[in-house]
């Protein structure tokens, strides 16, 4: 499927994206993420791998739109849980 990311056209196929992401260690997710195979990757990390461009050259929305059109599941920013919070006493 033809997708435009950072003003450059790319012909992407879901299986090729999955193959490119094999063996790539997922970075910690702090924003929008995408599930590729069994892993959740930051959308910008996947965009960098599939376009071979610097992350500053494209937006999260561009990559998210392309990955969604290919059939990947994208997730919004995760809810952060404060693990070291003191217990709530009433």
PDB file of N, CA and C in Angstrom:
ATOM      1  N   UNK A   1       0.845  -1.158   0.000  1.00  0.00           N
ATOM      2  CA  UNK A   1       0.000   0.000   0.000  1.00  0.00           C
ATOM      3  C   UNK A   1       0.903   1.238   0.000  1.00  0.00           C
ATOM      4  N   UNK A   2       0.562   2.185  -0.825  1.00  0.00           N
ATOM      5  CA  UNK A   2       1.349   3.418  -0.910  1.00  0.00           C
ATOM      6  C   UNK A   2       0.956   4.350   0.225  1.00  0.00           C
ATOM      7  N   UNK A   3       1.963   4.775   0.980  1.00  0.00           N
ATOM      8  CA  UNK A   3       1.781   5.695   2.098  1.00  0.00           C
ATOM      9  C   UNK A   3       2.784   6.826   1.956  1.00  0.00           C
ATOM     10  N   UNK A   4       2.377   8.021   2.362  1.00  0.00           N
ATOM     11  CA  UNK A   4       3.278   9.166   2.331  1.00  0.00           C
ATOM     12  C   UNK A   4       3.658   9.501   3.771  1.00  0.00           C
ATOM     13  N   UNK A   5       4.949   9.464   4.034  1.00  0.00           N
ATOM     14  CA  UNK A   5       5.479   9.792   5.360  1.00  0.00           C
ATOM     15  C   UNK A   5       6.606  10.794   5.146  1.00  0.00           C
ATOM     16  N   UNK A   6       6.506  11.935   5.784  1.00  0.00           N
ATOM     17  CA  UNK A   6       7.503  13.003   5.657  1.00  0.00           C
ATOM     18  C   UNK A   6       7.688  13.413   4.200  1.00  0.00           C
ATOM     19  N   UNK A   7       6.591  13.513   3.484  1.00  0.00           N
ATOM     20  CA  UNK A   7       6.545  13.940   2.078  1.00  0.00           C
ATOM     21  C   UNK A   7       7.214  12.960   1.121  1.00  0.00           C
ATOM     22  N   UNK A   8       7.527  11.749   1.583  1.00  0.00           N
ATOM     23  CA  UNK A   8       8.119  10.737   0.722  1.00  0.00           C
ATOM     24  C   UNK A   8       7.151   9.569   0.590  1.00  0.00           C
ATOM     25  N   UNK A   9       6.933   9.070  -0.630  1.00  0.00           N
ATOM     26  CA  UNK A   9       6.042   7.917  -0.810  1.00  0.00           C
ATOM     27  C   UNK A   9       6.760   6.604  -0.474  1.00  0.00           C
ATOM     28  N   UNK A  10       6.041   5.724   0.186  1.00  0.00           N
ATOM     29  CA  UNK A  10       6.549   4.399   0.528  1.00  0.00           C
ATOM     30  C   UNK A  10       5.511   3.361   0.138  1.00  0.00           C
ATOM     31  N   UNK A  11       5.960   2.270  -0.463  1.00  0.00           N
ATOM     32  CA  UNK A  11       5.084   1.139  -0.744  1.00  0.00           C
ATOM     33  C   UNK A  11       5.307   0.133   0.364  1.00  0.00           C
ATOM     34  N   UNK A  12       4.369   0.091   1.301  1.00  0.00           N
ATOM     35  CA  UNK A  12       4.511  -0.760   2.478  1.00  0.00           C
ATOM     36  C   UNK A  12       3.546  -1.930   2.420  1.00  0.00           C
ATOM     37  N   UNK A  13       3.996  -3.060   2.924  1.00  0.00           N
ATOM     38  CA  UNK A  13       3.188  -4.266   3.051  1.00  0.00           C
ATOM     39  C   UNK A  13       3.317  -4.723   4.495  1.00  0.00           C
ATOM     40  N   UNK A  14       2.205  -5.161   5.083  1.00  0.00           N
ATOM     41  CA  UNK A  14       2.209  -5.541   6.493  1.00  0.00           C
ATOM     42  C   UNK A  14       3.283  -6.582   6.796  1.00  0.00           C
ATOM     43  N   UNK A  15       3.394  -7.595   5.971  1.00  0.00           N
ATOM     44  CA  UNK A  15       4.378  -8.655   6.228  1.00  0.00           C
ATOM     45  C   UNK A  15       5.811  -8.127   6.166  1.00  0.00           C
ATOM     46  N   UNK A  16       6.060  -7.149   5.303  1.00  0.00           N
ATOM     47  CA  UNK A  16       7.406  -6.570   5.217  1.00  0.00           C
ATOM     48  C   UNK A  16       7.735  -5.749   6.464  1.00  0.00           C
ATOM     49  N   UNK A  17       6.739  -5.025   6.985  1.00  0.00           N
ATOM     50  CA  UNK A  17       6.949  -4.258   8.212  1.00  0.00           C
ATOM     51  C   UNK A  17       7.253  -5.214   9.362  1.00  0.00           C
ATOM     52  N   UNK A  18       6.494  -6.303   9.454  1.00  0.00           N
ATOM     53  CA  UNK A  18       6.740  -7.298  10.500  1.00  0.00           C
ATOM     54  C   UNK A  18       8.146  -7.882  10.376  1.00  0.00           C
ATOM     55  N   UNK A  19       8.569  -8.136   9.155  1.00  0.00           N
ATOM     56  CA  UNK A  19       9.902  -8.703   8.928  1.00  0.00           C
ATOM     57  C   UNK A  19      10.990  -7.699   9.320  1.00  0.00           C
ATOM     58  N   UNK A  20      10.788  -6.413   8.997  1.00  0.00           N
ATOM     59  CA  UNK A  20      11.778  -5.389   9.352  1.00  0.00           C
ATOM     60  C   UNK A  20      11.916  -5.237  10.864  1.00  0.00           C
ATOM     61  N   UNK A  21      10.817  -5.463  11.593  1.00  0.00           N
ATOM     62  CA  UNK A  21      10.832  -5.260  13.043  1.00  0.00           C
ATOM     63  C   UNK A  21      11.301  -6.495  13.798  1.00  0.00           C
ATOM     64  N   UNK A  22      11.481  -7.624  13.118  1.00  0.00           N
ATOM     65  CA  UNK A  22      11.994  -8.825  13.777  1.00  0.00           C
ATOM     66  C   UNK A  22      13.390  -8.553  14.317  1.00  0.00           C
ATOM     67  N   UNK A  23      13.612  -8.902  15.553  1.00  0.00           N
ATOM     68  CA  UNK A  23      14.915  -8.729  16.158  1.00  0.00           C
ATOM     69  C   UNK A  23      15.195  -7.328  16.672  1.00  0.00           C
ATOM     70  N   UNK A  24      14.246  -6.408  16.481  1.00  0.00           N
ATOM     71  CA  UNK A  24      14.415  -5.050  16.993  1.00  0.00           C
ATOM     72  C   UNK A  24      13.848  -5.001  18.405  1.00  0.00           C
ATOM     73  N   UNK A  25      14.672  -4.600  19.350  1.00  0.00           N
ATOM     74  CA  UNK A  25      14.252  -4.544  20.747  1.00  0.00           C
ATOM     75  C   UNK A  25      13.342  -3.331  20.952  1.00  0.00           C
ATOM     76  N   UNK A  26      12.135  -3.541  21.484  1.00  0.00           N
ATOM     77  CA  UNK A  26      11.233  -2.410  21.707  1.00  0.00           C
ATOM     78  C   UNK A  26      11.778  -1.444  22.757  1.00  0.00           C
ATOM     79  N   UNK A  27      11.681  -0.169  22.467  1.00  0.00           N
ATOM     80  CA  UNK A  27      12.039   0.866  23.434  1.00  0.00           C
ATOM     81  C   UNK A  27      10.876   1.031  24.408  1.00  0.00           C
ATOM     82  N   UNK A  28      11.110   1.646  25.559  1.00  0.00           N
ATOM     83  CA  UNK A  28      10.004   1.894  26.483  1.00  0.00           C
ATOM     84  C   UNK A  28       8.929   2.769  25.827  1.00  0.00           C
ATOM     85  N   UNK A  29       7.690   2.387  26.012  1.00  0.00           N
ATOM     86  CA  UNK A  29       6.574   3.125  25.409  1.00  0.00           C
ATOM     87  C   UNK A  29       6.188   4.274  26.325  1.00  0.00           C
ATOM     88  N   UNK A  30       6.276   5.487  25.802  1.00  0.00           N
ATOM     89  CA  UNK A  30       5.882   6.668  26.574  1.00  0.00           C
ATOM     90  C   UNK A  30       4.791   7.454  25.869  1.00  0.00           C
ATOM     91  N   UNK A  31       4.487   7.091  24.642  1.00  0.00           N
ATOM     92  CA  UNK A  31       3.463   7.792  23.866  1.00  0.00           C
ATOM     93  C   UNK A  31       2.641   6.790  23.083  1.00  0.00           C
ATOM     94  N   UNK A  32       2.292   7.163  21.876  1.00  0.00           N
ATOM     95  CA  UNK A  32       1.502   6.292  21.011  1.00  0.00           C
ATOM     96  C   UNK A  32       2.350   5.089  20.632  1.00  0.00           C
ATOM     97  N   UNK A  33       1.732   3.909  20.691  1.00  0.00           N
ATOM     98  CA  UNK A  33       2.465   2.679  20.371  1.00  0.00           C
ATOM     99  C   UNK A  33       1.696   1.859  19.346  1.00  0.00           C
ATOM    100  N   UNK A  34       2.393   0.888  18.766  1.00  0.00           N
ATOM    101  CA  UNK A  34       1.794  -0.008  17.783  1.00  0.00           C
ATOM    102  C   UNK A  34       2.228  -1.431  18.123  1.00  0.00           C
ATOM    103  N   UNK A  35       1.310  -2.367  17.970  1.00  0.00           N
ATOM    104  CA  UNK A  35       1.623  -3.771  18.206  1.00  0.00           C
ATOM    105  C   UNK A  35       2.063  -4.401  16.894  1.00  0.00           C
ATOM    106  N   UNK A  36       3.302  -4.889  16.873  1.00  0.00           N
ATOM    107  CA  UNK A  36       3.846  -5.596  15.719  1.00  0.00           C
ATOM    108  C   UNK A  36       4.280  -6.955  16.232  1.00  0.00           C
ATOM    109  N   UNK A  37       3.611  -7.991  15.757  1.00  0.00           N
ATOM    110  CA  UNK A  37       3.882  -9.330  16.287  1.00  0.00           C
ATOM    111  C   UNK A  37       3.420  -9.402  17.725  1.00  0.00           C
ATOM    112  N   UNK A  38       4.319  -9.787  18.619  1.00  0.00           N
ATOM    113  CA  UNK A  38       3.972  -9.894  20.036  1.00  0.00           C
ATOM    114  C   UNK A  38       4.450  -8.704  20.858  1.00  0.00           C
ATOM    115  N   UNK A  39       5.031  -7.698  20.206  1.00  0.00           N
ATOM    116  CA  UNK A  39       5.635  -6.587  20.928  1.00  0.00           C
ATOM    117  C   UNK A  39       4.920  -5.275  20.648  1.00  0.00           C
ATOM    118  N   UNK A  40       4.939  -4.397  21.639  1.00  0.00           N
ATOM    119  CA  UNK A  40       4.426  -3.032  21.477  1.00  0.00           C
ATOM    120  C   UNK A  40       5.632  -2.112  21.316  1.00  0.00           C
ATOM    121  N   UNK A  41       5.674  -1.394  20.217  1.00  0.00           N
ATOM    122  CA  UNK A  41       6.758  -0.480  19.907  1.00  0.00           C
ATOM    123  C   UNK A  41       6.236   0.950  19.888  1.00  0.00           C
ATOM    124  N   UNK A  42       7.058   1.920  20.275  1.00  0.00           N
ATOM    125  CA  UNK A  42       6.674   3.313  20.040  1.00  0.00           C
ATOM    126  C   UNK A  42       6.530   3.539  18.529  1.00  0.00           C
ATOM    127  N   UNK A  43       5.520   4.270  18.134  1.00  0.00           N
ATOM    128  CA  UNK A  43       5.256   4.498  16.711  1.00  0.00           C
ATOM    129  C   UNK A  43       6.467   5.140  16.027  1.00  0.00           C
ATOM    130  N   UNK A  44       7.131   6.049  16.701  1.00  0.00           N
ATOM    131  CA  UNK A  44       8.299   6.714  16.112  1.00  0.00           C
ATOM    132  C   UNK A  44       9.431   5.717  15.857  1.00  0.00           C
ATOM    133  N   UNK A  45       9.592   4.718  16.716  1.00  0.00           N
ATOM    134  CA  UNK A  45      10.635   3.709  16.509  1.00  0.00           C
ATOM    135  C   UNK A  45      10.342   2.912  15.244  1.00  0.00           C
ATOM    136  N   UNK A  46       9.102   2.489  15.077  1.00  0.00           N
ATOM    137  CA  UNK A  46       8.727   1.733  13.883  1.00  0.00           C
ATOM    138  C   UNK A  46       8.895   2.603  12.637  1.00  0.00           C
ATOM    139  N   UNK A  47       8.478   3.865  12.733  1.00  0.00           N
ATOM    140  CA  UNK A  47       8.631   4.774  11.598  1.00  0.00           C
ATOM    141  C   UNK A  47      10.074   4.937  11.177  1.00  0.00           C
ATOM    142  N   UNK A  48      10.966   5.028  12.150  1.00  0.00           N
ATOM    143  CA  UNK A  48      12.389   5.173  11.850  1.00  0.00           C
ATOM    144  C   UNK A  48      12.928   3.933  11.148  1.00  0.00           C
ATOM    145  N   UNK A  49      12.501   2.753  11.584  1.00  0.00           N
ATOM    146  CA  UNK A  49      12.986   1.508  10.984  1.00  0.00           C
ATOM    147  C   UNK A  49      12.458   1.345   9.556  1.00  0.00           C
ATOM    148  N   UNK A  50      11.171   1.601   9.340  1.00  0.00           N
ATOM    149  CA  UNK A  50      10.594   1.332   8.014  1.00  0.00           C
ATOM    150  C   UNK A  50      10.923   2.407   6.987  1.00  0.00           C
ATOM    151  N   UNK A  51      11.180   3.641   7.431  1.00  0.00           N
ATOM    152  CA  UNK A  51      11.497   4.711   6.473  1.00  0.00           C
ATOM    153  C   UNK A  51      12.984   4.984   6.363  1.00  0.00           C
ATOM    154  N   UNK A  52      13.759   4.533   7.362  1.00  0.00           N
ATOM    155  CA  UNK A  52      15.198   4.811   7.428  1.00  0.00           C
ATOM    156  C   UNK A  52      15.464   6.316   7.482  1.00  0.00           C
ATOM    157  N   UNK A  53      14.533   7.045   8.086  1.00  0.00           N
ATOM    158  CA  UNK A  53      14.674   8.486   8.266  1.00  0.00           C
ATOM    159  C   UNK A  53      14.792   8.799   9.749  1.00  0.00           C
ATOM    160  N   UNK A  54      15.298   9.970  10.047  1.00  0.00           N
ATOM    161  CA  UNK A  54      15.378  10.434  11.421  1.00  0.00           C
ATOM    162  C   UNK A  54      13.971  10.670  11.957  1.00  0.00           C
ATOM    163  N   UNK A  55      13.763  10.401  13.220  1.00  0.00           N
ATOM    164  CA  UNK A  55      12.433  10.544  13.837  1.00  0.00           C
ATOM    165  C   UNK A  55      11.902  11.965  13.788  1.00  0.00           C
ATOM    166  N   UNK A  56      12.802  12.923  13.699  1.00  0.00           N
ATOM    167  CA  UNK A  56      12.361  14.319  13.654  1.00  0.00           C
ATOM    168  C   UNK A  56      11.778  14.700  12.299  1.00  0.00           C
ATOM    169  N   UNK A  57      11.942  13.825  11.295  1.00  0.00           N
ATOM    170  CA  UNK A  57      11.480  14.132   9.942  1.00  0.00           C
ATOM    171  C   UNK A  57      10.009  13.818   9.709  1.00  0.00           C
ATOM    172  N   UNK A  58       9.373  13.075  10.612  1.00  0.00           N
ATOM    173  CA  UNK A  58       7.964  12.715  10.417  1.00  0.00           C
ATOM    174  C   UNK A  58       7.218  12.840  11.739  1.00  0.00           C
ATOM    175  N   UNK A  59       5.905  12.870  11.632  1.00  0.00           N
ATOM    176  CA  UNK A  59       5.078  12.981  12.832  1.00  0.00           C
ATOM    177  C   UNK A  59       4.539  11.619  13.237  1.00  0.00           C
ATOM    178  N   UNK A  60       4.145  11.543  14.478  1.00  0.00           N
ATOM    179  CA  UNK A  60       3.519  10.317  14.983  1.00  0.00           C
ATOM    180  C   UNK A  60       2.245  10.019  14.199  1.00  0.00           C
ATOM    181  N   UNK A  61       1.479  11.055  13.889  1.00  0.00           N
ATOM    182  CA  UNK A  61       0.213  10.860  13.175  1.00  0.00           C
ATOM    183  C   UNK A  61       0.423  10.276  11.781  1.00  0.00           C
ATOM    184  N   UNK A  62       1.469  10.707  11.083  1.00  0.00           N
ATOM    185  CA  UNK A  62       1.733  10.162   9.751  1.00  0.00           C
ATOM    186  C   UNK A  62       1.985   8.658   9.812  1.00  0.00           C
ATOM    187  N   UNK A  63       2.828   8.252  10.736  1.00  0.00           N
ATOM    188  CA  UNK A  63       3.177   6.832  10.848  1.00  0.00           C
ATOM    189  C   UNK A  63       1.993   6.039  11.378  1.00  0.00           C
ATOM    190  N   UNK A  64       1.291   6.599  12.347  1.00  0.00           N
ATOM    191  CA  UNK A  64       0.113   5.918  12.905  1.00  0.00           C
ATOM    192  C   UNK A  64      -0.932   5.681  11.822  1.00  0.00           C
ATOM    193  N   UNK A  65      -1.177   6.681  11.002  1.00  0.00           N
ATOM    194  CA  UNK A  65      -2.154   6.556   9.916  1.00  0.00           C
ATOM    195  C   UNK A  65      -1.742   5.460   8.942  1.00  0.00           C
ATOM    196  N   UNK A  66      -0.465   5.424   8.576  1.00  0.00           N
ATOM    197  CA  UNK A  66       0.027   4.412   7.635  1.00  0.00           C
ATOM    198  C   UNK A  66      -0.079   3.012   8.234  1.00  0.00           C
ATOM    199  N   UNK A  67       0.333   2.859   9.495  1.00  0.00           N
ATOM    200  CA  UNK A  67       0.290   1.542  10.127  1.00  0.00           C
ATOM    201  C   UNK A  67      -1.139   1.056  10.334  1.00  0.00           C
ATOM    202  N   UNK A  68      -2.047   1.962  10.655  1.00  0.00           N
ATOM    203  CA  UNK A  68      -3.452   1.589  10.810  1.00  0.00           C
ATOM    204  C   UNK A  68      -4.028   1.113   9.484  1.00  0.00           C
ATOM    205  N   UNK A  69      -3.691   1.800   8.409  1.00  0.00           N
ATOM    206  CA  UNK A  69      -4.170   1.393   7.083  1.00  0.00           C
ATOM    207  C   UNK A  69      -3.630   0.024   6.684  1.00  0.00           C
ATOM    208  N   UNK A  70      -2.445  -0.323   7.189  1.00  0.00           N
ATOM    209  CA  UNK A  70      -1.867  -1.639   6.901  1.00  0.00           C
ATOM    210  C   UNK A  70      -2.481  -2.747   7.753  1.00  0.00           C
ATOM    211  N   UNK A  71      -3.235  -2.367   8.788  1.00  0.00           N
ATOM    212  CA  UNK A  71      -3.899  -3.369   9.615  1.00  0.00           C
ATOM    213  C   UNK A  71      -3.292  -3.575  10.984  1.00  0.00           C
ATOM    214  N   UNK A  72      -2.333  -2.736  11.368  1.00  0.00           N
ATOM    215  CA  UNK A  72      -1.739  -2.838  12.702  1.00  0.00           C
ATOM    216  C   UNK A  72      -2.634  -2.125  13.714  1.00  0.00           C
ATOM    217  N   UNK A  73      -2.537  -2.541  14.970  1.00  0.00           N
ATOM    218  CA  UNK A  73      -3.297  -1.929  16.046  1.00  0.00           C
ATOM    219  C   UNK A  73      -2.426  -0.902  16.752  1.00  0.00           C
ATOM    220  N   UNK A  74      -2.894   0.340  16.759  1.00  0.00           N
ATOM    221  CA  UNK A  74      -2.170   1.412  17.436  1.00  0.00           C
ATOM    222  C   UNK A  74      -2.885   1.739  18.740  1.00  0.00           C
ATOM    223  N   UNK A  75      -2.109   2.139  19.733  1.00  0.00           N
ATOM    224  CA  UNK A  75      -2.635   2.430  21.059  1.00  0.00           C
ATOM    225  C   UNK A  75      -2.266   3.852  21.453  1.00  0.00           C
ATOM    226  N   UNK A  76      -3.177   4.518  22.152  1.00  0.00           N
ATOM    227  CA  UNK A  76      -2.894   5.865  22.639  1.00  0.00           C
ATOM    228  C   UNK A  76      -1.876   5.815  23.762  1.00  0.00           C
ATOM    229  N   UNK A  77      -1.514   6.970  24.253  1.00  0.00           N
ATOM    230  CA  UNK A  77      -0.552   7.088  25.333  1.00  0.00           C
ATOM    231  C   UNK A  77      -0.991   6.238  26.519  1.00  0.00           C
ATOM    232  N   UNK A  78      -0.089   5.408  27.069  1.00  0.00           N
ATOM    233  CA  UNK A  78      -0.464   4.566  28.203  1.00  0.00           C
ATOM    234  C   UNK A  78      -0.698   5.399  29.464  1.00  0.00           C
ATOM    235  N   UNK A  79      -1.550   4.879  30.321  1.00  0.00           N
ATOM    236  CA  UNK A  79      -1.792   5.522  31.604  1.00  0.00           C
ATOM    237  C   UNK A  79      -0.640   5.175  32.526  1.00  0.00           C
ATOM    238  N   UNK A  80      -0.016   6.179  33.090  1.00  0.00           N
ATOM    239  CA  UNK A  80       1.111   5.946  33.981  1.00  0.00           C
ATOM    240  C   UNK A  80       0.611   5.684  35.393  1.00  0.00           C
ATOM    241  N   UNK A  81       1.132   4.665  36.008  1.00  0.00           N
ATOM    242  CA  UNK A  81       0.749   4.303  37.362  1.00  0.00           C
ATOM    243  C   UNK A  81       1.917   4.648  38.276  1.00  0.00           C
ATOM    244  N   UNK A  82       1.626   5.376  39.324  1.00  0.00           N
ATOM    245  CA  UNK A  82       2.673   5.750  40.259  1.00  0.00           C
ATOM    246  C   UNK A  82       2.821   4.587  41.261  1.00  0.00           C
ATOM    247  N   UNK A  83       3.885   3.823  41.100  1.00  0.00           N
ATOM    248  CA  UNK A  83       4.078   2.620  41.900  1.00  0.00           C
ATOM    249  C   UNK A  83       4.583   2.912  43.308  1.00  0.00           C
ATOM    250  N   UNK A  84       5.283   4.000  43.494  1.00  0.00           N
ATOM    251  CA  UNK A  84       5.862   4.293  44.804  1.00  0.00           C
ATOM    252  C   UNK A  84       4.993   5.230  45.635  1.00  0.00           C
ATOM    253  N   UNK A  85       3.737   5.330  45.273  1.00  0.00           N
ATOM    254  CA  UNK A  85       2.851   6.232  46.005  1.00  0.00           C
ATOM    255  C   UNK A  85       2.541   5.642  47.380  1.00  0.00           C
ATOM    256  N   UNK A  86       2.460   6.481  48.395  1.00  0.00           N
ATOM    257  CA  UNK A  86       2.122   5.956  49.711  1.00  0.00           C
ATOM    258  C   UNK A  86       0.671   5.458  49.735  1.00  0.00           C
ATOM    259  N   UNK A  87       0.374   4.486  50.577  1.00  0.00           N
ATOM    260  CA  UNK A  87      -0.992   3.976  50.634  1.00  0.00           C
ATOM    261  C   UNK A  87      -1.968   5.062  51.080  1.00  0.00           C
ATOM    262  N   UNK A  88      -3.147   4.966  50.547  1.00  0.00           N
ATOM    263  CA  UNK A  88      -4.181   5.949  50.901  1.00  0.00           C
ATOM    264  C   UNK A  88      -4.836   5.495  52.222  1.00  0.00           C
ATOM    265  N   UNK A  89      -4.700   6.314  53.263  1.00  0.00           N
ATOM    266  CA  UNK A  89      -5.286   5.998  54.572  1.00  0.00           C
ATOM    267  C   UNK A  89      -6.479   6.905  54.802  1.00  0.00           C
ATOM    268  N   UNK A  90      -7.551   6.321  55.225  1.00  0.00           N
ATOM    269  CA  UNK A  90      -8.752   7.102  55.496  1.00  0.00           C
ATOM    270  C   UNK A  90      -8.879   7.412  56.955  1.00  0.00           C
TER     271      UNK A  90
END
